[in-house]
Amino acid sequence: MKKLIAAVLTTLAFTAAAPSFAQAPQAAPLDPATVAAARELFESMNFRATMVNMMKQMSHSVVGSVRPAIEAALNGDSALDAAAKKQALEKFERKMPEIDKLMGDFMSDPALVDEMLEASIPLYARTYTVDEIHQIAAFYRTPLGAKMLASMPKLMGEGMRIGQKIMARRFTAMMQQPAGAKP
């Protein structure tokens, strides 16, 4: 079961990190003024609290999406008979509280948010000028910007649930196809 949990977490990590693999390596040193402006931007965005809320949403969303994926994988396993599939699913159901706690602990680690913040600052510093960063920060200080930041965790959570439903539906269909068949 620990291998299953590790596989789920690894899949989620690669899914979330996939766009970063496509980024070009940093060629030039970062301008300290741009880095400082990016730090100020993240403060104006209330990044830490926003990310903590997003992580909570993601944790709940991820756990909810694991069951359909496991069920689809078990149902698609032709080596298991109906009784074995049922037994495996029941075993998984008994492990769900452990998985839920593991995900909650993983996603609520304050060091995770700090690490994400520090890794994101150079991205913004390479993408925007000091002036652009100040303009973005000014927007986030407006009532609309504040509303956008406040609603972001909910939107991200709901967006993830939508994506997971679509992925689960497609994954189930894929698992039900005979080996070697194209979707």
C-alpha atoms as a PDB file:
ATOM      1  CA  MET A   1       0.000   0.000   0.000  1.00  0.00           C
ATOM      2  CA  LYS A   2       2.912   2.361   0.712  1.00  0.00           C
ATOM      3  CA  LYS A   3       4.088   1.803  -2.853  1.00  0.00           C
ATOM      4  CA  LEU A   4       0.602   2.762  -4.042  1.00  0.00           C
ATOM      5  CA  ILE A   5       0.634   5.945  -1.972  1.00  0.00           C
ATOM      6  CA  ALA A   6       4.137   6.766  -3.214  1.00  0.00           C
ATOM      7  CA  ALA A   7       3.029   6.190  -6.806  1.00  0.00           C
ATOM      8  CA  VAL A   8       0.031   8.498  -6.361  1.00  0.00           C
ATOM      9  CA  LEU A   9       2.187  11.222  -4.800  1.00  0.00           C
ATOM     10  CA  THR A  10       4.850  10.859  -7.484  1.00  0.00           C
ATOM     11  CA  THR A  11       2.251  11.098 -10.233  1.00  0.00           C
ATOM     12  CA  LEU A  12       0.795  14.231  -8.668  1.00  0.00           C
ATOM     13  CA  ALA A  13       4.227  15.779  -8.273  1.00  0.00           C
ATOM     14  CA  PHE A  14       5.157  15.131 -11.902  1.00  0.00           C
ATOM     15  CA  THR A  15       1.774  16.385 -13.093  1.00  0.00           C
ATOM     16  CA  ALA A  16       2.156  19.605 -11.127  1.00  0.00           C
ATOM     17  CA  ALA A  17       5.795  20.043 -12.129  1.00  0.00           C
ATOM     18  CA  ALA A  18       5.510  19.157 -15.823  1.00  0.00           C
ATOM     19  CA  PRO A  19       5.527  22.773 -17.068  1.00  0.00           C
ATOM     20  CA  SER A  20       8.718  23.512 -15.133  1.00  0.00           C
ATOM     21  CA  PHE A  21      10.643  20.837 -17.043  1.00  0.00           C
ATOM     22  CA  ALA A  22      10.082  22.788 -20.234  1.00  0.00           C
ATOM     23  CA  GLN A  23      11.584  25.998 -18.882  1.00  0.00           C
ATOM     24  CA  ALA A  24      14.930  27.105 -20.228  1.00  0.00           C
ATOM     25  CA  PRO A  25      17.803  27.192 -17.771  1.00  0.00           C
ATOM     26  CA  GLN A  26      18.608  30.545 -16.244  1.00  0.00           C
ATOM     27  CA  ALA A  27      21.285  32.168 -18.416  1.00  0.00           C
ATOM     28  CA  ALA A  28      21.959  35.530 -16.788  1.00  0.00           C
ATOM     29  CA  PRO A  29      22.216  36.485 -13.131  1.00  0.00           C
ATOM     30  CA  LEU A  30      19.093  38.053 -11.720  1.00  0.00           C
ATOM     31  CA  ASP A  31      18.898  41.785 -11.098  1.00  0.00           C
ATOM     32  CA  PRO A  32      18.738  42.312  -7.310  1.00  0.00           C
ATOM     33  CA  ALA A  33      16.194  45.124  -7.717  1.00  0.00           C
ATOM     34  CA  THR A  34      13.900  42.819  -9.702  1.00  0.00           C
ATOM     35  CA  VAL A  35      14.273  40.073  -7.097  1.00  0.00           C
ATOM     36  CA  ALA A  36      13.422  42.586  -4.350  1.00  0.00           C
ATOM     37  CA  ALA A  37      10.387  43.752  -6.328  1.00  0.00           C
ATOM     38  CA  ALA A  38       9.276  40.143  -6.798  1.00  0.00           C
ATOM     39  CA  ARG A  39       9.510  39.582  -3.035  1.00  0.00           C
ATOM     40  CA  GLU A  40       7.355  42.680  -2.502  1.00  0.00           C
ATOM     41  CA  LEU A  41       4.890  41.364  -5.079  1.00  0.00           C
ATOM     42  CA  PHE A  42       4.527  38.077  -3.205  1.00  0.00           C
ATOM     43  CA  GLU A  43       3.945  40.022   0.003  1.00  0.00           C
ATOM     44  CA  SER A  44       1.229  42.115  -1.682  1.00  0.00           C
ATOM     45  CA  MET A  45      -0.308  38.879  -2.989  1.00  0.00           C
ATOM     46  CA  ASN A  46      -0.337  37.441   0.540  1.00  0.00           C
ATOM     47  CA  PHE A  47       1.354  34.489  -1.136  1.00  0.00           C
ATOM     48  CA  ARG A  48       1.986  32.458   1.998  1.00  0.00           C
ATOM     49  CA  ALA A  49      -1.644  32.437   3.173  1.00  0.00           C
ATOM     50  CA  THR A  50      -2.955  31.972  -0.364  1.00  0.00           C
ATOM     51  CA  MET A  51      -0.670  28.976  -0.916  1.00  0.00           C
ATOM     52  CA  VAL A  52      -1.605  27.437   2.444  1.00  0.00           C
ATOM     53  CA  ASN A  53      -5.282  27.672   1.452  1.00  0.00           C
ATOM     54  CA  MET A  54      -4.554  26.266  -2.005  1.00  0.00           C
ATOM     55  CA  MET A  55      -2.611  23.381  -0.484  1.00  0.00           C
ATOM     56  CA  LYS A  56      -5.570  22.558   1.761  1.00  0.00           C
ATOM     57  CA  GLN A  57      -7.873  22.582  -1.268  1.00  0.00           C
ATOM     58  CA  MET A  58      -5.445  20.434  -3.239  1.00  0.00           C
ATOM     59  CA  SER A  59      -5.064  17.960  -0.380  1.00  0.00           C
ATOM     60  CA  HIS A  60      -8.803  17.394  -0.144  1.00  0.00           C
ATOM     61  CA  SER A  61      -9.171  17.309  -3.903  1.00  0.00           C
ATOM     62  CA  VAL A  62      -6.330  14.845  -4.440  1.00  0.00           C
ATOM     63  CA  VAL A  63      -7.615  12.410  -1.839  1.00  0.00           C
ATOM     64  CA  GLY A  64     -11.056  12.534  -3.440  1.00  0.00           C
ATOM     65  CA  SER A  65      -9.624  11.706  -6.844  1.00  0.00           C
ATOM     66  CA  VAL A  66      -7.520   8.768  -5.711  1.00  0.00           C
ATOM     67  CA  ARG A  67     -10.425   6.370  -5.195  1.00  0.00           C
ATOM     68  CA  PRO A  68     -11.787   6.524  -8.784  1.00  0.00           C
ATOM     69  CA  ALA A  69      -8.278   6.066 -10.178  1.00  0.00           C
ATOM     70  CA  ILE A  70      -7.615   3.050  -7.949  1.00  0.00           C
ATOM     71  CA  GLU A  71     -11.017   1.582  -8.740  1.00  0.00           C
ATOM     72  CA  ALA A  72     -10.421   2.004 -12.468  1.00  0.00           C
ATOM     73  CA  ALA A  73      -6.969   0.418 -12.193  1.00  0.00           C
ATOM     74  CA  LEU A  74      -8.349  -2.553 -10.255  1.00  0.00           C
ATOM     75  CA  ASN A  75     -11.277  -3.009 -12.625  1.00  0.00           C
ATOM     76  CA  GLY A  76      -8.910  -2.896 -15.575  1.00  0.00           C
ATOM     77  CA  ASP A  77      -6.603  -5.535 -14.098  1.00  0.00           C
ATOM     78  CA  SER A  78      -7.489  -8.720 -15.975  1.00  0.00           C
ATOM     79  CA  ALA A  79      -5.291 -10.770 -13.621  1.00  0.00           C
ATOM     80  CA  LEU A  80      -7.784 -10.188 -10.778  1.00  0.00           C
ATOM     81  CA  ASP A  81     -11.157 -11.876 -10.516  1.00  0.00           C
ATOM     82  CA  ALA A  82     -14.201 -10.023  -9.143  1.00  0.00           C
ATOM     83  CA  ALA A  83     -13.615 -11.226  -5.566  1.00  0.00           C
ATOM     84  CA  ALA A  84      -9.949 -10.162  -5.642  1.00  0.00           C
ATOM     85  CA  LYS A  85     -10.886  -6.746  -7.057  1.00  0.00           C
ATOM     86  CA  LYS A  86     -13.481  -6.280  -4.324  1.00  0.00           C
ATOM     87  CA  GLN A  87     -11.010  -7.349  -1.634  1.00  0.00           C
ATOM     88  CA  ALA A  88      -8.315  -4.989  -2.966  1.00  0.00           C
ATOM     89  CA  LEU A  89     -10.774  -2.090  -3.062  1.00  0.00           C
ATOM     90  CA  GLU A  90     -11.917  -2.818   0.501  1.00  0.00           C
ATOM     91  CA  LYS A  91      -8.271  -2.881   1.631  1.00  0.00           C
ATOM     92  CA  PHE A  92      -7.724   0.445  -0.100  1.00  0.00           C
ATOM     93  CA  GLU A  93     -10.836   1.903   1.573  1.00  0.00           C
ATOM     94  CA  ARG A  94      -9.437   0.901   4.978  1.00  0.00           C
ATOM     95  CA  LYS A  95      -6.191   2.723   4.079  1.00  0.00           C
ATOM     96  CA  MET A  96      -7.940   5.924   2.972  1.00  0.00           C
ATOM     97  CA  PRO A  97      -7.678   7.610   6.411  1.00  0.00           C
ATOM     98  CA  GLU A  98      -3.931   6.927   6.378  1.00  0.00           C
ATOM     99  CA  ILE A  99      -3.632   8.315   2.847  1.00  0.00           C
ATOM    100  CA  ASP A 100      -5.735  11.344   3.812  1.00  0.00           C
ATOM    101  CA  LYS A 101      -3.490  12.057   6.805  1.00  0.00           C
ATOM    102  CA  LEU A 102      -0.341  11.525   4.754  1.00  0.00           C
ATOM    103  CA  MET A 103      -1.551  13.964   2.100  1.00  0.00           C
ATOM    104  CA  GLY A 104      -2.691  16.470   4.707  1.00  0.00           C
ATOM    105  CA  ASP A 105       0.670  16.360   6.471  1.00  0.00           C
ATOM    106  CA  PHE A 106       2.567  16.616   3.202  1.00  0.00           C
ATOM    107  CA  MET A 107       0.527  19.526   1.875  1.00  0.00           C
ATOM    108  CA  SER A 108       0.437  21.475   5.161  1.00  0.00           C
ATOM    109  CA  ASP A 109       4.198  21.510   5.730  1.00  0.00           C
ATOM    110  CA  PRO A 110       5.104  25.220   6.087  1.00  0.00           C
ATOM    111  CA  ALA A 111       8.534  24.519   4.617  1.00  0.00           C
ATOM    112  CA  LEU A 112       6.831  23.424   1.385  1.00  0.00           C
ATOM    113  CA  VAL A 113       5.235  26.860   0.947  1.00  0.00           C
ATOM    114  CA  ASP A 114       8.519  28.603   1.825  1.00  0.00           C
ATOM    115  CA  GLU A 115      10.377  26.499  -0.732  1.00  0.00           C
ATOM    116  CA  MET A 116       7.762  27.231  -3.397  1.00  0.00           C
ATOM    117  CA  LEU A 117       7.983  30.955  -2.640  1.00  0.00           C
ATOM    118  CA  GLU A 118      11.765  31.024  -2.919  1.00  0.00           C
ATOM    119  CA  ALA A 119      11.682  29.013  -6.148  1.00  0.00           C
ATOM    120  CA  SER A 120       9.000  31.277  -7.656  1.00  0.00           C
ATOM    121  CA  ILE A 121      10.768  34.577  -7.029  1.00  0.00           C
ATOM    122  CA  PRO A 122      13.404  34.025  -9.763  1.00  0.00           C
ATOM    123  CA  LEU A 123      10.666  33.013 -12.198  1.00  0.00           C
ATOM    124  CA  TYR A 124       8.901  36.345 -11.716  1.00  0.00           C
ATOM    125  CA  ALA A 125      12.207  38.233 -11.702  1.00  0.00           C
ATOM    126  CA  ARG A 126      13.111  36.707 -15.087  1.00  0.00           C
ATOM    127  CA  THR A 127       9.634  37.273 -16.555  1.00  0.00           C
ATOM    128  CA  TYR A 128       8.825  40.840 -15.486  1.00  0.00           C
ATOM    129  CA  THR A 129      10.667  44.125 -15.136  1.00  0.00           C
ATOM    130  CA  VAL A 130      10.763  45.998 -11.841  1.00  0.00           C
ATOM    131  CA  ASP A 131       8.139  48.428 -13.161  1.00  0.00           C
ATOM    132  CA  GLU A 132       5.844  45.604 -14.313  1.00  0.00           C
ATOM    133  CA  ILE A 133       6.127  43.886 -10.951  1.00  0.00           C
ATOM    134  CA  HIS A 134       5.191  47.134  -9.198  1.00  0.00           C
ATOM    135  CA  GLN A 135       2.143  47.474 -11.477  1.00  0.00           C
ATOM    136  CA  ILE A 136       1.045  43.897 -10.726  1.00  0.00           C
ATOM    137  CA  ALA A 137       1.504  44.494  -6.985  1.00  0.00           C
ATOM    138  CA  ALA A 138      -0.557  47.689  -7.264  1.00  0.00           C
ATOM    139  CA  PHE A 139      -3.366  45.685  -8.891  1.00  0.00           C
ATOM    140  CA  TYR A 140      -3.353  43.144  -6.058  1.00  0.00           C
ATOM    141  CA  ARG A 141      -3.723  46.005  -3.591  1.00  0.00           C
ATOM    142  CA  THR A 142      -6.974  47.122  -5.280  1.00  0.00           C
ATOM    143  CA  PRO A 143     -10.355  45.737  -4.163  1.00  0.00           C
ATOM    144  CA  LEU A 144     -10.590  43.629  -7.355  1.00  0.00           C
ATOM    145  CA  GLY A 145      -7.058  42.304  -6.909  1.00  0.00           C
ATOM    146  CA  ALA A 146      -7.794  41.444  -3.280  1.00  0.00           C
ATOM    147  CA  LYS A 147     -10.995  39.680  -4.358  1.00  0.00           C
ATOM    148  CA  MET A 148      -9.070  37.737  -6.979  1.00  0.00           C
ATOM    149  CA  LEU A 149      -6.506  36.608  -4.414  1.00  0.00           C
ATOM    150  CA  ALA A 150      -9.194  35.693  -1.897  1.00  0.00           C
ATOM    151  CA  SER A 151     -11.115  33.609  -4.439  1.00  0.00           C
ATOM    152  CA  MET A 152      -8.041  31.930  -5.943  1.00  0.00           C
ATOM    153  CA  PRO A 153      -7.851  28.935  -3.551  1.00  0.00           C
ATOM    154  CA  LYS A 154     -11.522  28.132  -4.139  1.00  0.00           C
ATOM    155  CA  LEU A 155     -11.177  28.532  -7.903  1.00  0.00           C
ATOM    156  CA  MET A 156      -8.053  26.390  -7.967  1.00  0.00           C
ATOM    157  CA  GLY A 157      -9.714  23.702  -5.845  1.00  0.00           C
ATOM    158  CA  GLU A 158     -12.826  23.626  -7.990  1.00  0.00           C
ATOM    159  CA  GLY A 159     -10.724  23.702 -11.145  1.00  0.00           C
ATOM    160  CA  MET A 160      -8.717  20.741  -9.883  1.00  0.00           C
ATOM    161  CA  ARG A 161     -11.910  18.801  -9.125  1.00  0.00           C
ATOM    162  CA  ILE A 162     -13.180  19.504 -12.632  1.00  0.00           C
ATOM    163  CA  GLY A 163      -9.879  18.363 -14.133  1.00  0.00           C
ATOM    164  CA  GLN A 164      -9.784  15.266 -11.942  1.00  0.00           C
ATOM    165  CA  LYS A 165     -13.309  14.250 -12.973  1.00  0.00           C
ATOM    166  CA  ILE A 166     -12.339  14.560 -16.612  1.00  0.00           C
ATOM    167  CA  MET A 167      -9.067  12.682 -16.031  1.00  0.00           C
ATOM    168  CA  ALA A 168     -10.803   9.932 -14.021  1.00  0.00           C
ATOM    169  CA  ARG A 169     -13.398   9.451 -16.752  1.00  0.00           C
ATOM    170  CA  ARG A 170     -10.706   9.196 -19.425  1.00  0.00           C
ATOM    171  CA  PHE A 171      -8.502   6.983 -17.235  1.00  0.00           C
ATOM    172  CA  THR A 172     -11.412   4.612 -16.592  1.00  0.00           C
ATOM    173  CA  ALA A 173     -12.121   4.383 -20.329  1.00  0.00           C
ATOM    174  CA  MET A 174      -8.435   3.763 -21.030  1.00  0.00           C
ATOM    175  CA  MET A 175      -8.210   1.020 -18.387  1.00  0.00           C
ATOM    176  CA  GLN A 176     -11.253  -0.750 -19.839  1.00  0.00           C
ATOM    177  CA  GLN A 177      -9.708  -1.058 -23.289  1.00  0.00           C
ATOM    178  CA  PRO A 178      -7.850  -4.235 -24.232  1.00  0.00           C
ATOM    179  CA  ALA A 179      -4.062  -4.057 -23.983  1.00  0.00           C
ATOM    180  CA  GLY A 180      -2.506  -2.470 -27.072  1.00  0.00           C
ATOM    181  CA  ALA A 181      -5.746  -0.792 -28.218  1.00  0.00           C
ATOM    182  CA  LYS A 182      -5.638   2.913 -29.022  1.00  0.00           C
ATOM    183  CA  PRO A 183      -8.092   5.173 -27.153  1.00  0.00           C
END
